[in-house]
Amino acid sequence: MLNILPGGYDMRSGRIASQCLLLDYPGCKKHWDPKGPPTAINEDLLVRIIVTARP
């Protein structure tokens, strides 16, 4: 989470629409794993967040 916040604020300050999704684990070749394995979102958690956030 702490790695994506600064990028989100940069996008906001540049008036560029963006959104971030938290992954179950990091797989970025540059920062975490030289093999760069595919990552995935936790769809169940995403649905719970969306349902909870609805007005």
PDB file of N, CA and C in Angstrom:
ATOM      1  N   MET A   1       0.821  -1.190   0.000  1.00  0.00           N
ATOM      2  CA  MET A   1       0.000   0.000   0.000  1.00  0.00           C
ATOM      3  C   MET A   1       0.864   1.253   0.000  1.00  0.00           C
ATOM      4  N   LEU A   2       1.916   1.243   0.803  1.00  0.00           N
ATOM      5  CA  LEU A   2       2.757   2.436   0.887  1.00  0.00           C
ATOM      6  C   LEU A   2       3.496   2.719  -0.410  1.00  0.00           C
ATOM      7  N   ASN A   3       3.673   1.713  -1.248  1.00  0.00           N
ATOM      8  CA  ASN A   3       4.353   1.927  -2.521  1.00  0.00           C
ATOM      9  C   ASN A   3       3.464   2.594  -3.560  1.00  0.00           C
ATOM     10  N   ILE A   4       2.146   2.423  -3.449  1.00  0.00           N
ATOM     11  CA  ILE A   4       1.265   2.981  -4.471  1.00  0.00           C
ATOM     12  C   ILE A   4       0.712   4.362  -4.109  1.00  0.00           C
ATOM     13  N   LEU A   5       0.737   4.714  -2.847  1.00  0.00           N
ATOM     14  CA  LEU A   5       0.193   6.011  -2.440  1.00  0.00           C
ATOM     15  C   LEU A   5       0.888   7.192  -3.105  1.00  0.00           C
ATOM     16  N   PRO A   6       2.221   7.257  -3.106  1.00  0.00           N
ATOM     17  CA  PRO A   6       2.860   8.405  -3.749  1.00  0.00           C
ATOM     18  C   PRO A   6       2.491   8.529  -5.231  1.00  0.00           C
ATOM     19  N   GLY A   7       2.411   7.402  -5.925  1.00  0.00           N
ATOM     20  CA  GLY A   7       2.023   7.445  -7.340  1.00  0.00           C
ATOM     21  C   GLY A   7       0.611   7.954  -7.518  1.00  0.00           C
ATOM     22  N   GLY A   8      -0.286   7.556  -6.619  1.00  0.00           N
ATOM     23  CA  GLY A   8      -1.660   8.041  -6.679  1.00  0.00           C
ATOM     24  C   GLY A   8      -1.748   9.540  -6.476  1.00  0.00           C
ATOM     25  N   TYR A   9      -0.965  10.042  -5.544  1.00  0.00           N
ATOM     26  CA  TYR A   9      -0.948  11.492  -5.309  1.00  0.00           C
ATOM     27  C   TYR A   9      -0.332  12.239  -6.493  1.00  0.00           C
ATOM     28  N   ASP A  10       0.692  11.652  -7.124  1.00  0.00           N
ATOM     29  CA  ASP A  10       1.271  12.269  -8.324  1.00  0.00           C
ATOM     30  C   ASP A  10       0.240  12.348  -9.439  1.00  0.00           C
ATOM     31  N   MET A  11      -0.505  11.275  -9.624  1.00  0.00           N
ATOM     32  CA  MET A  11      -1.536  11.269 -10.659  1.00  0.00           C
ATOM     33  C   MET A  11      -2.603  12.324 -10.357  1.00  0.00           C
ATOM     34  N   ARG A  12      -2.996  12.401  -9.098  1.00  0.00           N
ATOM     35  CA  ARG A  12      -4.022  13.369  -8.700  1.00  0.00           C
ATOM     36  C   ARG A  12      -3.533  14.797  -8.955  1.00  0.00           C
ATOM     37  N   SER A  13      -2.292  15.077  -8.580  1.00  0.00           N
ATOM     38  CA  SER A  13      -1.777  16.437  -8.769  1.00  0.00           C
ATOM     39  C   SER A  13      -1.654  16.789 -10.248  1.00  0.00           C
ATOM     40  N   GLY A  14      -1.476  15.791 -11.096  1.00  0.00           N
ATOM     41  CA  GLY A  14      -1.423  16.023 -12.534  1.00  0.00           C
ATOM     42  C   GLY A  14      -2.792  15.963 -13.187  1.00  0.00           C
ATOM     43  N   ARG A  15      -3.848  15.859 -12.355  1.00  0.00           N
ATOM     44  CA  ARG A  15      -5.230  15.789 -12.836  1.00  0.00           C
ATOM     45  C   ARG A  15      -5.442  14.632 -13.807  1.00  0.00           C
ATOM     46  N   ILE A  16      -4.808  13.499 -13.487  1.00  0.00           N
ATOM     47  CA  ILE A  16      -4.942  12.286 -14.298  1.00  0.00           C
ATOM     48  C   ILE A  16      -5.773  11.287 -13.504  1.00  0.00           C
ATOM     49  N   ALA A  17      -6.875  10.869 -14.089  1.00  0.00           N
ATOM     50  CA  ALA A  17      -7.737   9.896 -13.407  1.00  0.00           C
ATOM     51  C   ALA A  17      -7.006   8.568 -13.276  1.00  0.00           C
ATOM     52  N   SER A  18      -7.062   7.993 -12.099  1.00  0.00           N
ATOM     53  CA  SER A  18      -6.412   6.704 -11.875  1.00  0.00           C
ATOM     54  C   SER A  18      -7.088   6.001 -10.718  1.00  0.00           C
ATOM     55  N   GLN A  19      -6.802   4.742 -10.587  1.00  0.00           N
ATOM     56  CA  GLN A  19      -7.267   3.988  -9.436  1.00  0.00           C
ATOM     57  C   GLN A  19      -6.258   2.878  -9.175  1.00  0.00           C
ATOM     58  N   CYS A  20      -6.223   2.435  -7.955  1.00  0.00           N
ATOM     59  CA  CYS A  20      -5.270   1.410  -7.551  1.00  0.00           C
ATOM     60  C   CYS A  20      -6.019   0.227  -6.959  1.00  0.00           C
ATOM     61  N   LEU A  21      -5.476  -0.935  -7.185  1.00  0.00           N
ATOM     62  CA  LEU A  21      -6.007  -2.140  -6.574  1.00  0.00           C
ATOM     63  C   LEU A  21      -4.890  -2.799  -5.784  1.00  0.00           C
ATOM     64  N   LEU A  22      -5.188  -3.183  -4.580  1.00  0.00           N
ATOM     65  CA  LEU A  22      -4.203  -3.900  -3.780  1.00  0.00           C
ATOM     66  C   LEU A  22      -4.149  -5.345  -4.248  1.00  0.00           C
ATOM     67  N   LEU A  23      -2.952  -5.864  -4.398  1.00  0.00           N
ATOM     68  CA  LEU A  23      -2.760  -7.241  -4.834  1.00  0.00           C
ATOM     69  C   LEU A  23      -2.531  -8.145  -3.632  1.00  0.00           C
ATOM     70  N   ASP A  24      -2.764  -9.436  -3.822  1.00  0.00           N
ATOM     71  CA  ASP A  24      -2.516 -10.395  -2.748  1.00  0.00           C
ATOM     72  C   ASP A  24      -1.032 -10.480  -2.409  1.00  0.00           C
ATOM     73  N   TYR A  25      -0.171 -10.277  -3.413  1.00  0.00           N
ATOM     74  CA  TYR A  25       1.275 -10.281  -3.197  1.00  0.00           C
ATOM     75  C   TYR A  25       1.927  -9.521  -4.343  1.00  0.00           C
ATOM     76  N   PRO A  26       3.127  -8.983  -4.133  1.00  0.00           N
ATOM     77  CA  PRO A  26       3.798  -8.244  -5.193  1.00  0.00           C
ATOM     78  C   PRO A  26       4.555  -9.190  -6.123  1.00  0.00           C
ATOM     79  N   GLY A  27       4.595  -8.857  -7.400  1.00  0.00           N
ATOM     80  CA  GLY A  27       5.326  -9.670  -8.352  1.00  0.00           C
ATOM     81  C   GLY A  27       6.119  -8.834  -9.336  1.00  0.00           C
ATOM     82  N   CYS A  28       6.308  -7.578  -9.034  1.00  0.00           N
ATOM     83  CA  CYS A  28       7.012  -6.658  -9.929  1.00  0.00           C
ATOM     84  C   CYS A  28       8.476  -7.066 -10.092  1.00  0.00           C
ATOM     85  N   LYS A  29       8.927  -7.222 -11.343  1.00  0.00           N
ATOM     86  CA  LYS A  29      10.326  -7.582 -11.613  1.00  0.00           C
ATOM     87  C   LYS A  29      11.289  -6.540 -11.059  1.00  0.00           C
ATOM     88  N   LYS A  30      10.917  -5.290 -11.184  1.00  0.00           N
ATOM     89  CA  LYS A  30      11.820  -4.205 -10.792  1.00  0.00           C
ATOM     90  C   LYS A  30      12.023  -4.140  -9.280  1.00  0.00           C
ATOM     91  N   HIS A  31      10.985  -4.431  -8.505  1.00  0.00           N
ATOM     92  CA  HIS A  31      11.080  -4.216  -7.066  1.00  0.00           C
ATOM     93  C   HIS A  31      11.069  -5.474  -6.213  1.00  0.00           C
ATOM     94  N   TRP A  32      10.424  -6.559  -6.666  1.00  0.00           N
ATOM     95  CA  TRP A  32      10.181  -7.667  -5.752  1.00  0.00           C
ATOM     96  C   TRP A  32      10.732  -9.013  -6.174  1.00  0.00           C
ATOM     97  N   ASP A  33      10.561  -9.377  -7.421  1.00  0.00           N
ATOM     98  CA  ASP A  33      10.914 -10.730  -7.837  1.00  0.00           C
ATOM     99  C   ASP A  33      11.486 -10.693  -9.253  1.00  0.00           C
ATOM    100  N   PRO A  34      12.730 -11.136  -9.446  1.00  0.00           N
ATOM    101  CA  PRO A  34      13.342 -11.066 -10.775  1.00  0.00           C
ATOM    102  C   PRO A  34      12.578 -11.849 -11.845  1.00  0.00           C
ATOM    103  N   LYS A  35      11.796 -12.843 -11.440  1.00  0.00           N
ATOM    104  CA  LYS A  35      11.019 -13.627 -12.405  1.00  0.00           C
ATOM    105  C   LYS A  35       9.742 -12.904 -12.816  1.00  0.00           C
ATOM    106  N   GLY A  36       9.267 -12.004 -11.972  1.00  0.00           N
ATOM    107  CA  GLY A  36       8.048 -11.255 -12.288  1.00  0.00           C
ATOM    108  C   GLY A  36       6.839 -12.151 -12.442  1.00  0.00           C
ATOM    109  N   PRO A  37       6.505 -12.946 -11.409  1.00  0.00           N
ATOM    110  CA  PRO A  37       5.348 -13.833 -11.543  1.00  0.00           C
ATOM    111  C   PRO A  37       4.054 -13.037 -11.675  1.00  0.00           C
ATOM    112  N   PRO A  38       3.063 -13.621 -12.334  1.00  0.00           N
ATOM    113  CA  PRO A  38       1.785 -12.907 -12.448  1.00  0.00           C
ATOM    114  C   PRO A  38       1.163 -12.700 -11.072  1.00  0.00           C
ATOM    115  N   THR A  39       0.519 -11.592 -10.896  1.00  0.00           N
ATOM    116  CA  THR A  39      -0.170 -11.303  -9.649  1.00  0.00           C
ATOM    117  C   THR A  39      -1.672 -11.319  -9.908  1.00  0.00           C
ATOM    118  N   ALA A  40      -2.423 -11.322  -8.841  1.00  0.00           N
ATOM    119  CA  ALA A  40      -3.881 -11.367  -8.975  1.00  0.00           C
ATOM    120  C   ALA A  40      -4.510 -10.544  -7.866  1.00  0.00           C
ATOM    121  N   ILE A  41      -5.713 -10.095  -8.123  1.00  0.00           N
ATOM    122  CA  ILE A  41      -6.452  -9.393  -7.077  1.00  0.00           C
ATOM    123  C   ILE A  41      -7.325 -10.407  -6.349  1.00  0.00           C
ATOM    124  N   ASN A  42      -7.664 -10.095  -5.135  1.00  0.00           N
ATOM    125  CA  ASN A  42      -8.574 -10.918  -4.361  1.00  0.00           C
ATOM    126  C   ASN A  42      -9.976 -10.423  -4.704  1.00  0.00           C
ATOM    127  N   GLU A  43     -10.643 -11.113  -5.622  1.00  0.00           N
ATOM    128  CA  GLU A  43     -11.935 -10.655  -6.120  1.00  0.00           C
ATOM    129  C   GLU A  43     -12.998 -10.611  -5.030  1.00  0.00           C
ATOM    130  N   ASP A  44     -12.974 -11.565  -4.117  1.00  0.00           N
ATOM    131  CA  ASP A  44     -13.957 -11.563  -3.030  1.00  0.00           C
ATOM    132  C   ASP A  44     -13.809 -10.311  -2.165  1.00  0.00           C
ATOM    133  N   LEU A  45     -12.577  -9.967  -1.838  1.00  0.00           N
ATOM    134  CA  LEU A  45     -12.329  -8.774  -1.037  1.00  0.00           C
ATOM    135  C   LEU A  45     -12.728  -7.516  -1.806  1.00  0.00           C
ATOM    136  N   LEU A  46     -12.430  -7.464  -3.087  1.00  0.00           N
ATOM    137  CA  LEU A  46     -12.796  -6.307  -3.901  1.00  0.00           C
ATOM    138  C   LEU A  46     -14.311  -6.101  -3.898  1.00  0.00           C
ATOM    139  N   VAL A  47     -15.074  -7.175  -4.079  1.00  0.00           N
ATOM    140  CA  VAL A  47     -16.533  -7.065  -4.069  1.00  0.00           C
ATOM    141  C   VAL A  47     -17.022  -6.588  -2.710  1.00  0.00           C
ATOM    142  N   ARG A  48     -16.450  -7.108  -1.628  1.00  0.00           N
ATOM    143  CA  ARG A  48     -16.868  -6.660  -0.282  1.00  0.00           C
ATOM    144  C   ARG A  48     -16.593  -5.176  -0.094  1.00  0.00           C
ATOM    145  N   ILE A  49     -15.449  -4.695  -0.568  1.00  0.00           N
ATOM    146  CA  ILE A  49     -15.112  -3.274  -0.448  1.00  0.00           C
ATOM    147  C   ILE A  49     -16.101  -2.412  -1.227  1.00  0.00           C
ATOM    148  N   ILE A  50     -16.409  -2.833  -2.458  1.00  0.00           N
ATOM    149  CA  ILE A  50     -17.331  -2.071  -3.295  1.00  0.00           C
ATOM    150  C   ILE A  50     -18.719  -2.040  -2.657  1.00  0.00           C
ATOM    151  N   VAL A  51     -19.192  -3.166  -2.196  1.00  0.00           N
ATOM    152  CA  VAL A  51     -20.525  -3.237  -1.595  1.00  0.00           C
ATOM    153  C   VAL A  51     -20.585  -2.378  -0.332  1.00  0.00           C
ATOM    154  N   THR A  52     -19.540  -2.400   0.467  1.00  0.00           N
ATOM    155  CA  THR A  52     -19.493  -1.619   1.702  1.00  0.00           C
ATOM    156  C   THR A  52     -19.436  -0.121   1.411  1.00  0.00           C
ATOM    157  N   ALA A  53     -18.779   0.268   0.316  1.00  0.00           N
ATOM    158  CA  ALA A  53     -18.576   1.686   0.011  1.00  0.00           C
ATOM    159  C   ALA A  53     -19.779   2.336  -0.672  1.00  0.00           C
ATOM    160  N   ARG A  54     -20.726   1.540  -1.103  1.00  0.00           N
ATOM    161  CA  ARG A  54     -21.895   2.126  -1.788  1.00  0.00           C
ATOM    162  C   ARG A  54     -22.670   3.027  -0.834  1.00  0.00           C
ATOM    163  N   PRO A  55     -23.167   4.148  -1.375  1.00  0.00           N
ATOM    164  CA  PRO A  55     -23.948   5.067  -0.530  1.00  0.00           C
ATOM    165  C   PRO A  55     -25.299   4.499  -0.135  1.00  0.00           C
TER     166      PRO A  55
END
